[in-house]
Amino acid sequence: MDAEKIYVGKAKSKHTIPQDEINQLLVDKALEGNRVVRLKGGDPFVFGRGSEELQVLHQHNVPARVIPGITAASGCTSYAGIPLTHRGLATGCSFITGHKQDGKLDIDWAQLAQLDHTLVFYMGLSSLPEISQQLQHFGKSGHTPAALIENGCHSQQRVVSGQLHQLPTLASEHQLQSPTLIVIGEVVSLREQLDWLSNLAHQQDQIELENSAALSA
């Protein structure tokens, strides 16, 4: 079956189509009698504008269903060997948007800094200096373990870990680009033990090396 594909992807400061036009496009295509699939990365209801799109569809009496996905906070940290919660280290996790509106982050820093949670910031790479500074200003230790995950769940994934106060410097030194997820909390200290993906790759390389040696012999 043929399908018309319409790219509506977004990157920092570069939206192929404004959100209002995406909403209307979904309505128009559906009312034309088409079966429409809105494919998103991650979960549509976690910083994915899925709720806004569903509202518009319902306003126009367009029946729709939502299929949950795996949000970046869960997928990327799992691939990095960082649990979101761990007994004795984090009683919960908080997902925060690092995207600025009107040039500032609308965040209750005092409350966030005191939570016994793993903090995961989406779309916050350009706001990293402010995130690091504000959390420390309101009481979170600058030595809190932290990680930056670039291109999570991808073959080109990179993970850079350190401490909260080091994050802006680490991002600059490693020339990290969006999309990069920011993870702050004691659970990051478990990465070295739980980095199953790197261990698996090392084991596979070792097997290939041994097989190569056996063929050479």
N, C-alpha and C. Protein backbone atom coordinates (compact mmCIF):
# COMPACT_ATOMS: atom_id res chain seq x y z
N MET A 1 0.84 -1.19 0.00
CA MET A 1 0.00 0.00 0.00
C MET A 1 0.88 1.25 0.00
N ASP A 2 0.56 2.19 -0.86
CA ASP A 2 1.31 3.43 -0.92
C ASP A 2 0.90 4.35 0.20
N ALA A 3 1.85 5.18 0.63
CA ALA A 3 1.57 6.15 1.69
C ALA A 3 2.27 7.46 1.37
N GLU A 4 1.59 8.55 1.61
CA GLU A 4 2.20 9.87 1.46
C GLU A 4 2.96 10.17 2.75
N LYS A 5 4.24 10.51 2.62
CA LYS A 5 5.05 10.83 3.79
C LYS A 5 5.33 12.33 3.82
N ILE A 6 5.01 12.93 4.95
CA ILE A 6 5.21 14.38 5.12
C ILE A 6 6.14 14.60 6.30
N TYR A 7 7.31 15.15 6.04
CA TYR A 7 8.29 15.37 7.10
C TYR A 7 7.95 16.66 7.87
N VAL A 8 7.80 16.51 9.18
CA VAL A 8 7.48 17.67 10.03
C VAL A 8 8.45 17.72 11.22
N GLY A 9 9.65 17.19 11.03
CA GLY A 9 10.62 17.11 12.12
C GLY A 9 11.05 18.47 12.63
N LYS A 10 11.58 18.44 13.85
CA LYS A 10 12.01 19.67 14.50
C LYS A 10 13.42 19.50 15.04
N ALA A 11 14.17 20.57 14.97
CA ALA A 11 15.48 20.67 15.62
C ALA A 11 15.53 22.03 16.29
N LYS A 12 16.55 22.25 17.10
CA LYS A 12 16.67 23.50 17.83
C LYS A 12 16.63 24.69 16.88
N SER A 13 15.69 25.61 17.12
CA SER A 13 15.53 26.84 16.33
C SER A 13 15.30 26.55 14.85
N LYS A 14 14.83 25.34 14.54
CA LYS A 14 14.59 24.99 13.15
C LYS A 14 13.42 24.02 13.08
N HIS A 15 12.23 24.57 12.89
CA HIS A 15 11.03 23.76 12.79
C HIS A 15 10.60 23.71 11.32
N THR A 16 10.49 22.51 10.78
CA THR A 16 10.09 22.36 9.39
C THR A 16 8.72 22.99 9.16
N ILE A 17 7.79 22.70 10.05
CA ILE A 17 6.43 23.25 10.00
C ILE A 17 6.06 23.68 11.41
N PRO A 18 5.51 24.87 11.60
CA PRO A 18 5.07 25.30 12.94
C PRO A 18 4.03 24.34 13.52
N GLN A 19 3.97 24.26 14.84
CA GLN A 19 3.08 23.31 15.49
C GLN A 19 1.62 23.51 15.10
N ASP A 20 1.17 24.75 15.00
CA ASP A 20 -0.23 25.00 14.63
C ASP A 20 -0.55 24.42 13.25
N GLU A 21 0.42 24.50 12.35
CA GLU A 21 0.20 23.95 11.01
C GLU A 21 0.21 22.43 11.02
N ILE A 22 1.02 21.84 11.90
CA ILE A 22 1.00 20.37 12.04
C ILE A 22 -0.38 19.93 12.52
N ASN A 23 -0.90 20.63 13.53
CA ASN A 23 -2.22 20.30 14.06
C ASN A 23 -3.27 20.33 12.95
N GLN A 24 -3.24 21.41 12.17
CA GLN A 24 -4.24 21.56 11.11
C GLN A 24 -4.05 20.54 10.01
N LEU A 25 -2.80 20.20 9.72
CA LEU A 25 -2.51 19.20 8.69
C LEU A 25 -3.10 17.84 9.08
N LEU A 26 -2.99 17.48 10.34
CA LEU A 26 -3.57 16.22 10.81
C LEU A 26 -5.08 16.21 10.60
N VAL A 27 -5.72 17.33 10.95
CA VAL A 27 -7.17 17.43 10.79
C VAL A 27 -7.55 17.36 9.32
N ASP A 28 -6.87 18.15 8.49
CA ASP A 28 -7.23 18.21 7.07
C ASP A 28 -7.08 16.85 6.39
N LYS A 29 -5.97 16.17 6.65
CA LYS A 29 -5.74 14.88 6.01
C LYS A 29 -6.75 13.83 6.47
N ALA A 30 -7.10 13.90 7.76
CA ALA A 30 -8.08 12.94 8.29
C ALA A 30 -9.47 13.20 7.69
N LEU A 31 -9.86 14.47 7.59
CA LEU A 31 -11.18 14.80 7.06
C LEU A 31 -11.29 14.54 5.56
N GLU A 32 -10.15 14.39 4.91
CA GLU A 32 -10.15 14.00 3.49
C GLU A 32 -10.42 12.51 3.33
N GLY A 33 -10.49 11.79 4.46
CA GLY A 33 -10.77 10.37 4.42
C GLY A 33 -9.54 9.49 4.51
N ASN A 34 -8.40 10.09 4.81
CA ASN A 34 -7.17 9.33 4.92
C ASN A 34 -7.00 8.73 6.31
N ARG A 35 -6.27 7.64 6.38
CA ARG A 35 -5.82 7.11 7.66
C ARG A 35 -4.47 7.76 7.95
N VAL A 36 -4.38 8.53 9.01
CA VAL A 36 -3.21 9.35 9.29
C VAL A 36 -2.43 8.78 10.48
N VAL A 37 -1.14 8.66 10.32
CA VAL A 37 -0.26 8.23 11.41
C VAL A 37 0.70 9.38 11.71
N ARG A 38 0.71 9.83 12.94
CA ARG A 38 1.66 10.87 13.36
C ARG A 38 2.77 10.16 14.12
N LEU A 39 3.91 9.99 13.49
CA LEU A 39 5.00 9.22 14.08
C LEU A 39 5.95 10.16 14.82
N LYS A 40 6.18 9.86 16.09
CA LYS A 40 7.04 10.70 16.92
C LYS A 40 8.17 9.87 17.52
N GLY A 41 9.25 10.54 17.87
CA GLY A 41 10.31 9.88 18.63
C GLY A 41 9.94 9.93 20.10
N GLY A 42 10.26 8.87 20.84
CA GLY A 42 9.94 8.86 22.26
C GLY A 42 8.46 8.63 22.51
N ASP A 43 7.94 9.26 23.56
CA ASP A 43 6.53 9.12 23.90
C ASP A 43 5.80 10.41 23.54
N PRO A 44 4.66 10.31 22.85
CA PRO A 44 3.97 11.53 22.40
C PRO A 44 3.46 12.42 23.52
N PHE A 45 3.31 11.87 24.72
CA PHE A 45 2.76 12.66 25.82
C PHE A 45 3.84 13.15 26.79
N VAL A 46 5.12 12.98 26.46
CA VAL A 46 6.21 13.49 27.30
C VAL A 46 7.00 14.49 26.46
N PHE A 47 6.71 15.76 26.61
CA PHE A 47 7.34 16.84 25.85
C PHE A 47 7.25 16.59 24.35
N GLY A 48 6.17 15.94 23.92
CA GLY A 48 6.05 15.59 22.51
C GLY A 48 4.92 16.29 21.79
N ARG A 49 4.22 17.19 22.46
CA ARG A 49 3.10 17.93 21.87
C ARG A 49 1.95 17.03 21.44
N GLY A 50 2.02 15.77 21.85
CA GLY A 50 0.94 14.85 21.47
C GLY A 50 -0.40 15.26 22.04
N SER A 51 -0.41 15.78 23.25
CA SER A 51 -1.67 16.18 23.88
C SER A 51 -2.30 17.35 23.13
N GLU A 52 -1.47 18.29 22.66
CA GLU A 52 -2.00 19.43 21.91
C GLU A 52 -2.64 18.95 20.60
N GLU A 53 -1.97 18.02 19.94
CA GLU A 53 -2.48 17.52 18.67
C GLU A 53 -3.78 16.74 18.87
N LEU A 54 -3.84 15.96 19.95
CA LEU A 54 -5.05 15.19 20.23
C LEU A 54 -6.22 16.12 20.57
N GLN A 55 -5.94 17.20 21.28
CA GLN A 55 -6.99 18.17 21.59
C GLN A 55 -7.62 18.72 20.32
N VAL A 56 -6.77 19.09 19.36
CA VAL A 56 -7.28 19.66 18.11
C VAL A 56 -8.10 18.63 17.34
N LEU A 57 -7.62 17.39 17.32
CA LEU A 57 -8.36 16.34 16.62
C LEU A 57 -9.73 16.14 17.25
N HIS A 58 -9.79 16.13 18.57
CA HIS A 58 -11.07 15.96 19.25
C HIS A 58 -12.00 17.14 19.00
N GLN A 59 -11.43 18.34 18.93
CA GLN A 59 -12.24 19.54 18.66
C GLN A 59 -12.92 19.45 17.29
N HIS A 60 -12.30 18.72 16.37
CA HIS A 60 -12.87 18.55 15.03
C HIS A 60 -13.54 17.19 14.86
N ASN A 61 -13.79 16.52 16.00
CA ASN A 61 -14.49 15.22 15.99
C ASN A 61 -13.78 14.18 15.12
N VAL A 62 -12.46 14.22 15.14
CA VAL A 62 -11.67 13.22 14.42
C VAL A 62 -11.28 12.13 15.42
N PRO A 63 -11.74 10.90 15.23
CA PRO A 63 -11.35 9.82 16.15
C PRO A 63 -9.86 9.53 16.05
N ALA A 64 -9.25 9.33 17.19
CA ALA A 64 -7.80 9.09 17.19
C ALA A 64 -7.43 8.22 18.37
N ARG A 65 -6.33 7.52 18.26
CA ARG A 65 -5.80 6.71 19.35
C ARG A 65 -4.34 7.09 19.58
N VAL A 66 -3.88 6.89 20.80
CA VAL A 66 -2.49 7.18 21.15
C VAL A 66 -1.79 5.87 21.48
N ILE A 67 -0.67 5.62 20.84
CA ILE A 67 0.13 4.43 21.12
C ILE A 67 1.36 4.89 21.91
N PRO A 68 1.49 4.52 23.17
CA PRO A 68 2.62 4.99 23.98
C PRO A 68 3.96 4.54 23.42
N GLY A 69 4.95 5.38 23.65
CA GLY A 69 6.31 5.05 23.24
C GLY A 69 7.22 5.01 24.47
N ILE A 70 8.50 4.87 24.25
CA ILE A 70 9.48 4.90 25.33
C ILE A 70 10.11 6.28 25.34
N THR A 71 9.88 7.02 26.41
CA THR A 71 10.41 8.37 26.46
C THR A 71 11.93 8.36 26.60
N ALA A 72 12.56 9.45 26.16
CA ALA A 72 14.03 9.53 26.13
C ALA A 72 14.65 9.29 27.50
N ALA A 73 14.02 9.80 28.56
CA ALA A 73 14.59 9.64 29.90
C ALA A 73 14.78 8.18 30.26
N SER A 74 13.85 7.35 29.86
CA SER A 74 13.94 5.92 30.16
C SER A 74 14.84 5.19 29.17
N GLY A 75 14.64 5.43 27.88
CA GLY A 75 15.42 4.74 26.87
C GLY A 75 16.90 5.09 26.91
N CYS A 76 17.20 6.37 26.96
CA CYS A 76 18.61 6.81 26.91
C CYS A 76 19.38 6.39 28.15
N THR A 77 18.77 6.52 29.32
CA THR A 77 19.48 6.14 30.53
C THR A 77 19.69 4.63 30.61
N SER A 78 18.72 3.87 30.13
CA SER A 78 18.88 2.41 30.12
C SER A 78 20.06 2.01 29.23
N TYR A 79 20.17 2.63 28.06
CA TYR A 79 21.27 2.33 27.17
C TYR A 79 22.60 2.82 27.72
N ALA A 80 22.55 3.81 28.61
CA ALA A 80 23.78 4.33 29.20
C ALA A 80 24.17 3.60 30.48
N GLY A 81 23.35 2.65 30.94
CA GLY A 81 23.64 1.94 32.18
C GLY A 81 23.37 2.78 33.42
N ILE A 82 22.39 3.69 33.33
CA ILE A 82 22.04 4.56 34.45
C ILE A 82 20.58 4.32 34.81
N PRO A 83 20.29 3.75 35.99
CA PRO A 83 18.89 3.57 36.38
C PRO A 83 18.28 4.90 36.80
N LEU A 84 17.00 5.08 36.55
CA LEU A 84 16.35 6.32 36.99
C LEU A 84 16.10 6.31 38.49
N THR A 85 15.86 5.14 39.04
CA THR A 85 15.69 5.00 40.49
C THR A 85 16.55 3.83 40.96
N HIS A 86 16.97 3.90 42.21
CA HIS A 86 17.75 2.80 42.80
C HIS A 86 17.63 2.93 44.31
N ARG A 87 17.38 1.81 44.95
CA ARG A 87 17.18 1.83 46.39
C ARG A 87 18.38 2.46 47.10
N GLY A 88 18.09 3.43 47.92
CA GLY A 88 19.14 4.11 48.68
C GLY A 88 19.77 5.29 47.96
N LEU A 89 19.47 5.45 46.67
CA LEU A 89 20.07 6.55 45.92
C LEU A 89 19.05 7.54 45.38
N ALA A 90 17.90 7.05 44.94
CA ALA A 90 16.87 7.95 44.39
C ALA A 90 15.50 7.36 44.63
N THR A 91 14.63 8.14 45.26
CA THR A 91 13.28 7.67 45.56
C THR A 91 12.31 7.94 44.41
N GLY A 92 12.76 8.67 43.42
CA GLY A 92 11.91 8.98 42.28
C GLY A 92 12.72 9.66 41.20
N CYS A 93 12.02 10.10 40.16
CA CYS A 93 12.69 10.83 39.09
C CYS A 93 11.78 11.95 38.60
N SER A 94 12.39 13.01 38.14
CA SER A 94 11.64 14.15 37.64
C SER A 94 12.12 14.48 36.23
N PHE A 95 11.16 14.68 35.32
CA PHE A 95 11.48 15.06 33.94
C PHE A 95 11.19 16.55 33.79
N ILE A 96 12.17 17.30 33.32
CA ILE A 96 12.05 18.74 33.23
C ILE A 96 12.44 19.20 31.83
N THR A 97 11.68 20.13 31.28
CA THR A 97 12.07 20.68 29.99
C THR A 97 13.08 21.80 30.20
N GLY A 98 14.18 21.73 29.45
CA GLY A 98 15.20 22.76 29.50
C GLY A 98 15.02 23.78 28.40
N HIS A 99 13.88 23.70 27.72
CA HIS A 99 13.59 24.62 26.63
C HIS A 99 13.14 25.96 27.19
N LYS A 100 13.74 27.03 26.71
CA LYS A 100 13.42 28.37 27.23
C LYS A 100 12.20 28.96 26.53
N GLN A 101 11.40 29.67 27.32
CA GLN A 101 10.31 30.45 26.78
C GLN A 101 10.52 31.89 27.20
N ASP A 102 10.46 32.80 26.23
CA ASP A 102 10.73 34.23 26.49
C ASP A 102 12.12 34.42 27.08
N GLY A 103 13.07 33.56 26.66
CA GLY A 103 14.46 33.74 27.06
C GLY A 103 14.82 33.25 28.44
N LYS A 104 13.93 32.54 29.13
CA LYS A 104 14.26 32.06 30.47
C LYS A 104 13.61 30.71 30.73
N LEU A 105 14.15 30.01 31.73
CA LEU A 105 13.59 28.73 32.16
C LEU A 105 12.59 28.97 33.29
N ASP A 106 11.39 28.50 33.10
CA ASP A 106 10.35 28.67 34.10
C ASP A 106 10.35 27.46 35.03
N ILE A 107 11.25 27.47 36.00
CA ILE A 107 11.47 26.31 36.87
C ILE A 107 11.55 26.76 38.32
N ASP A 108 10.94 25.99 39.21
CA ASP A 108 11.05 26.25 40.65
C ASP A 108 12.34 25.59 41.12
N TRP A 109 13.45 26.31 41.01
CA TRP A 109 14.77 25.75 41.31
C TRP A 109 14.90 25.32 42.76
N ALA A 110 14.33 26.09 43.68
CA ALA A 110 14.46 25.78 45.10
C ALA A 110 13.86 24.42 45.43
N GLN A 111 12.69 24.16 44.88
CA GLN A 111 12.03 22.87 45.11
C GLN A 111 12.78 21.74 44.42
N LEU A 112 13.21 21.98 43.19
CA LEU A 112 13.87 20.94 42.42
C LEU A 112 15.19 20.52 43.05
N ALA A 113 15.92 21.48 43.57
CA ALA A 113 17.24 21.19 44.15
C ALA A 113 17.16 20.35 45.41
N GLN A 114 16.00 20.38 46.08
CA GLN A 114 15.86 19.65 47.34
C GLN A 114 15.27 18.26 47.17
N LEU A 115 14.79 17.93 46.00
CA LEU A 115 14.18 16.63 45.78
C LEU A 115 15.21 15.51 45.84
N ASP A 116 14.82 14.38 46.43
CA ASP A 116 15.66 13.19 46.43
C ASP A 116 15.36 12.38 45.17
N HIS A 117 15.49 13.06 44.03
CA HIS A 117 15.11 12.49 42.75
C HIS A 117 16.28 12.52 41.77
N THR A 118 16.21 11.64 40.79
CA THR A 118 17.05 11.79 39.61
C THR A 118 16.40 12.86 38.74
N LEU A 119 17.18 13.85 38.35
CA LEU A 119 16.66 14.94 37.52
C LEU A 119 17.07 14.72 36.08
N VAL A 120 16.11 14.73 35.17
CA VAL A 120 16.40 14.53 33.76
C VAL A 120 15.88 15.74 32.99
N PHE A 121 16.79 16.45 32.36
CA PHE A 121 16.43 17.63 31.57
C PHE A 121 16.43 17.29 30.09
N TYR A 122 15.29 17.56 29.45
CA TYR A 122 15.16 17.44 28.00
C TYR A 122 15.48 18.80 27.37
N MET A 123 16.05 18.78 26.18
CA MET A 123 16.24 20.02 25.39
C MET A 123 16.95 21.11 26.19
N GLY A 124 17.93 20.72 27.00
CA GLY A 124 18.55 21.69 27.88
C GLY A 124 20.01 21.99 27.62
N LEU A 125 20.55 21.53 26.49
CA LEU A 125 21.99 21.68 26.27
C LEU A 125 22.42 23.15 26.27
N SER A 126 21.67 23.99 25.59
CA SER A 126 22.04 25.41 25.53
C SER A 126 21.83 26.11 26.87
N SER A 127 21.02 25.52 27.74
CA SER A 127 20.75 26.11 29.06
C SER A 127 21.60 25.48 30.16
N LEU A 128 22.57 24.67 29.77
CA LEU A 128 23.35 23.91 30.75
C LEU A 128 24.04 24.78 31.80
N PRO A 129 24.67 25.89 31.44
CA PRO A 129 25.27 26.74 32.49
C PRO A 129 24.26 27.22 33.52
N GLU A 130 23.08 27.61 33.07
CA GLU A 130 22.04 28.07 34.00
C GLU A 130 21.54 26.93 34.87
N ILE A 131 21.34 25.76 34.29
CA ILE A 131 20.86 24.60 35.05
C ILE A 131 21.85 24.26 36.16
N SER A 132 23.13 24.17 35.80
CA SER A 132 24.15 23.85 36.78
C SER A 132 24.25 24.91 37.88
N GLN A 133 24.25 26.15 37.48
CA GLN A 133 24.39 27.25 38.43
C GLN A 133 23.20 27.34 39.39
N GLN A 134 22.01 27.26 38.85
CA GLN A 134 20.80 27.43 39.67
C GLN A 134 20.63 26.29 40.67
N LEU A 135 20.88 25.07 40.24
CA LEU A 135 20.74 23.94 41.16
C LEU A 135 21.74 24.06 42.31
N GLN A 136 22.95 24.47 42.01
CA GLN A 136 23.95 24.66 43.07
C GLN A 136 23.58 25.83 43.98
N HIS A 137 23.07 26.88 43.38
CA HIS A 137 22.68 28.07 44.16
C HIS A 137 21.61 27.72 45.19
N PHE A 138 20.71 26.80 44.82
CA PHE A 138 19.62 26.46 45.72
C PHE A 138 19.90 25.20 46.54
N GLY A 139 21.15 24.79 46.62
CA GLY A 139 21.52 23.79 47.60
C GLY A 139 21.97 22.44 47.13
N LYS A 140 21.88 22.14 45.84
CA LYS A 140 22.34 20.83 45.38
C LYS A 140 23.87 20.86 45.26
N SER A 141 24.52 19.86 45.79
CA SER A 141 25.98 19.83 45.78
C SER A 141 26.53 19.84 44.36
N GLY A 142 27.56 20.64 44.15
CA GLY A 142 28.22 20.67 42.85
C GLY A 142 28.91 19.36 42.52
N HIS A 143 29.10 18.50 43.53
CA HIS A 143 29.75 17.20 43.32
C HIS A 143 28.75 16.08 43.03
N THR A 144 27.47 16.44 42.88
CA THR A 144 26.46 15.43 42.53
C THR A 144 26.82 14.78 41.19
N PRO A 145 26.82 13.45 41.11
CA PRO A 145 27.11 12.78 39.84
C PRO A 145 26.14 13.22 38.74
N ALA A 146 26.64 13.35 37.54
CA ALA A 146 25.80 13.80 36.43
C ALA A 146 26.33 13.23 35.12
N ALA A 147 25.45 13.17 34.13
CA ALA A 147 25.85 12.64 32.83
C ALA A 147 25.15 13.39 31.72
N LEU A 148 25.81 13.41 30.57
CA LEU A 148 25.25 13.98 29.34
C LEU A 148 25.19 12.86 28.31
N ILE A 149 24.00 12.63 27.76
CA ILE A 149 23.82 11.53 26.80
C ILE A 149 23.42 12.12 25.45
N GLU A 150 24.34 12.02 24.50
CA GLU A 150 24.11 12.55 23.15
C GLU A 150 23.65 11.41 22.23
N ASN A 151 22.61 11.69 21.44
CA ASN A 151 22.08 10.69 20.49
C ASN A 151 21.75 9.37 21.18
N GLY A 152 21.04 9.46 22.28
CA GLY A 152 20.69 8.27 23.06
C GLY A 152 19.93 7.23 22.26
N CYS A 153 20.18 5.95 22.56
CA CYS A 153 19.54 4.80 21.90
C CYS A 153 19.90 4.72 20.41
N HIS A 154 20.99 5.33 20.04
CA HIS A 154 21.43 5.34 18.65
C HIS A 154 22.81 4.70 18.59
N SER A 155 23.17 4.23 17.41
CA SER A 155 24.49 3.61 17.26
C SER A 155 25.61 4.61 17.53
N GLN A 156 25.30 5.91 17.41
CA GLN A 156 26.30 6.95 17.65
C GLN A 156 26.16 7.58 19.04
N GLN A 157 25.49 6.88 19.94
CA GLN A 157 25.32 7.41 21.29
C GLN A 157 26.68 7.68 21.95
N ARG A 158 26.75 8.83 22.64
CA ARG A 158 27.93 9.16 23.45
C ARG A 158 27.47 9.53 24.85
N VAL A 159 28.18 9.06 25.85
CA VAL A 159 27.86 9.38 27.23
C VAL A 159 29.09 10.00 27.88
N VAL A 160 28.91 11.18 28.43
CA VAL A 160 29.98 11.88 29.15
C VAL A 160 29.51 12.07 30.58
N SER A 161 30.26 11.56 31.54
CA SER A 161 29.83 11.67 32.93
C SER A 161 30.86 12.44 33.74
N GLY A 162 30.36 13.03 34.82
CA GLY A 162 31.21 13.82 35.71
C GLY A 162 30.39 14.27 36.91
N GLN A 163 30.53 15.53 37.27
CA GLN A 163 29.79 16.09 38.39
C GLN A 163 29.02 17.32 37.93
N LEU A 164 28.03 17.69 38.73
CA LEU A 164 27.13 18.78 38.35
C LEU A 164 27.90 20.05 37.97
N HIS A 165 28.88 20.42 38.74
CA HIS A 165 29.58 21.68 38.48
C HIS A 165 30.43 21.62 37.21
N GLN A 166 30.70 20.42 36.72
CA GLN A 166 31.55 20.25 35.53
C GLN A 166 30.76 20.23 34.22
N LEU A 167 29.45 20.15 34.29
CA LEU A 167 28.66 19.89 33.09
C LEU A 167 28.90 20.88 31.94
N PRO A 168 28.86 22.19 32.17
CA PRO A 168 29.09 23.10 31.04
C PRO A 168 30.46 22.89 30.39
N THR A 169 31.48 22.67 31.21
CA THR A 169 32.82 22.45 30.67
C THR A 169 32.90 21.15 29.89
N LEU A 170 32.28 20.10 30.41
CA LEU A 170 32.29 18.80 29.73
C LEU A 170 31.60 18.89 28.37
N ALA A 171 30.47 19.58 28.34
CA ALA A 171 29.73 19.72 27.07
C ALA A 171 30.57 20.45 26.04
N SER A 172 31.30 21.46 26.49
CA SER A 172 32.14 22.23 25.58
C SER A 172 33.35 21.41 25.12
N GLU A 173 34.02 20.75 26.06
CA GLU A 173 35.21 19.97 25.72
C GLU A 173 34.91 18.86 24.73
N HIS A 174 33.75 18.21 24.89
CA HIS A 174 33.40 17.08 24.04
C HIS A 174 32.56 17.50 22.84
N GLN A 175 32.32 18.81 22.73
CA GLN A 175 31.57 19.37 21.59
C GLN A 175 30.24 18.64 21.37
N LEU A 176 29.52 18.46 22.45
CA LEU A 176 28.24 17.76 22.37
C LEU A 176 27.22 18.60 21.61
N GLN A 177 26.38 17.90 20.87
CA GLN A 177 25.34 18.55 20.08
C GLN A 177 23.98 18.01 20.48
N SER A 178 22.94 18.75 20.14
CA SER A 178 21.58 18.27 20.36
C SER A 178 21.28 17.15 19.37
N PRO A 179 20.47 16.17 19.80
CA PRO A 179 19.82 16.05 21.11
C PRO A 179 20.75 15.44 22.16
N THR A 180 20.82 16.12 23.30
CA THR A 180 21.60 15.63 24.43
C THR A 180 20.74 15.70 25.69
N LEU A 181 20.63 14.57 26.36
CA LEU A 181 19.85 14.49 27.59
C LEU A 181 20.77 14.75 28.78
N ILE A 182 20.27 15.47 29.78
CA ILE A 182 21.05 15.80 30.97
C ILE A 182 20.48 15.00 32.15
N VAL A 183 21.33 14.23 32.79
CA VAL A 183 20.90 13.40 33.93
C VAL A 183 21.72 13.78 35.15
N ILE A 184 21.03 14.13 36.23
CA ILE A 184 21.70 14.59 37.45
C ILE A 184 21.18 13.80 38.64
N GLY A 185 22.07 13.16 39.37
CA GLY A 185 21.64 12.41 40.56
C GLY A 185 22.64 11.32 40.92
N GLU A 186 22.49 10.80 42.13
CA GLU A 186 23.43 9.80 42.64
C GLU A 186 23.43 8.52 41.81
N VAL A 187 22.35 8.25 41.09
CA VAL A 187 22.27 7.01 40.29
C VAL A 187 23.34 6.98 39.20
N VAL A 188 23.83 8.16 38.79
CA VAL A 188 24.85 8.19 37.74
C VAL A 188 26.14 7.51 38.20
N SER A 189 26.33 7.44 39.51
CA SER A 189 27.52 6.78 40.06
C SER A 189 27.54 5.29 39.76
N LEU A 190 26.40 4.72 39.37
CA LEU A 190 26.32 3.29 39.07
C LEU A 190 26.70 2.96 37.62
N ARG A 191 26.90 3.99 36.82
CA ARG A 191 27.13 3.76 35.38
C ARG A 191 28.30 2.82 35.12
N GLU A 192 29.40 2.99 35.83
CA GLU A 192 30.57 2.15 35.56
C GLU A 192 30.26 0.67 35.79
N GLN A 193 29.42 0.38 36.81
CA GLN A 193 29.06 -1.01 37.09
C GLN A 193 28.03 -1.56 36.10
N LEU A 194 27.13 -0.68 35.65
CA LEU A 194 25.97 -1.14 34.89
C LEU A 194 26.04 -0.84 33.40
N ASP A 195 27.19 -0.42 32.91
CA ASP A 195 27.32 -0.05 31.50
C ASP A 195 27.36 -1.30 30.63
N TRP A 196 26.21 -1.94 30.52
CA TRP A 196 26.10 -3.22 29.84
C TRP A 196 26.39 -3.10 28.33
N LEU A 197 26.04 -1.97 27.74
CA LEU A 197 26.20 -1.83 26.30
C LEU A 197 27.67 -1.81 25.90
N SER A 198 28.48 -1.06 26.64
CA SER A 198 29.92 -1.02 26.35
C SER A 198 30.56 -2.38 26.63
N ASN A 199 30.12 -3.02 27.70
CA ASN A 199 30.65 -4.35 28.02
C ASN A 199 30.32 -5.36 26.94
N LEU A 200 29.09 -5.26 26.43
CA LEU A 200 28.66 -6.18 25.37
C LEU A 200 29.49 -5.96 24.10
N ALA A 201 29.71 -4.70 23.76
CA ALA A 201 30.50 -4.39 22.57
C ALA A 201 31.93 -4.91 22.74
N HIS A 202 32.47 -4.75 23.95
CA HIS A 202 33.83 -5.24 24.21
C HIS A 202 33.90 -6.75 24.08
N GLN A 203 32.88 -7.45 24.61
CA GLN A 203 32.85 -8.90 24.52
C GLN A 203 32.76 -9.37 23.06
N GLN A 204 31.95 -8.67 22.28
CA GLN A 204 31.81 -9.04 20.87
C GLN A 204 33.13 -8.81 20.12
N ASP A 205 33.80 -7.69 20.44
CA ASP A 205 35.10 -7.43 19.80
C ASP A 205 36.10 -8.52 20.17
N GLN A 206 36.06 -8.97 21.43
CA GLN A 206 36.99 -9.99 21.89
C GLN A 206 36.72 -11.31 21.17
N ILE A 207 35.44 -11.65 21.00
CA ILE A 207 35.08 -12.89 20.31
C ILE A 207 35.56 -12.84 18.86
N GLU A 208 35.35 -11.68 18.19
CA GLU A 208 35.78 -11.54 16.80
C GLU A 208 37.30 -11.65 16.70
N LEU A 209 38.01 -11.07 17.68
CA LEU A 209 39.46 -11.14 17.69
C LEU A 209 39.93 -12.58 17.85
N GLU A 210 39.29 -13.33 18.77
CA GLU A 210 39.66 -14.71 19.00
C GLU A 210 39.35 -15.58 17.77
N ASN A 211 38.23 -15.32 17.11
CA ASN A 211 37.88 -16.07 15.91
C ASN A 211 38.88 -15.79 14.79
N SER A 212 39.28 -14.53 14.71
CA SER A 212 40.28 -14.15 13.70
C SER A 212 41.61 -14.86 13.95
N ALA A 213 41.99 -14.92 15.21
CA ALA A 213 43.24 -15.60 15.57
C ALA A 213 43.16 -17.08 15.26
N ALA A 214 41.98 -17.68 15.51
CA ALA A 214 41.81 -19.10 15.25
C ALA A 214 41.91 -19.40 13.75
N LEU A 215 41.32 -18.50 12.93
CA LEU A 215 41.39 -18.70 11.48
C LEU A 215 42.82 -18.54 10.99
N SER A 216 43.54 -17.60 11.57
CA SER A 216 44.94 -17.39 11.16
C SER A 216 45.81 -18.58 11.52
N ALA A 217 45.50 -19.22 12.65
CA ALA A 217 46.29 -20.38 13.08
C ALA A 217 46.03 -21.54 12.13
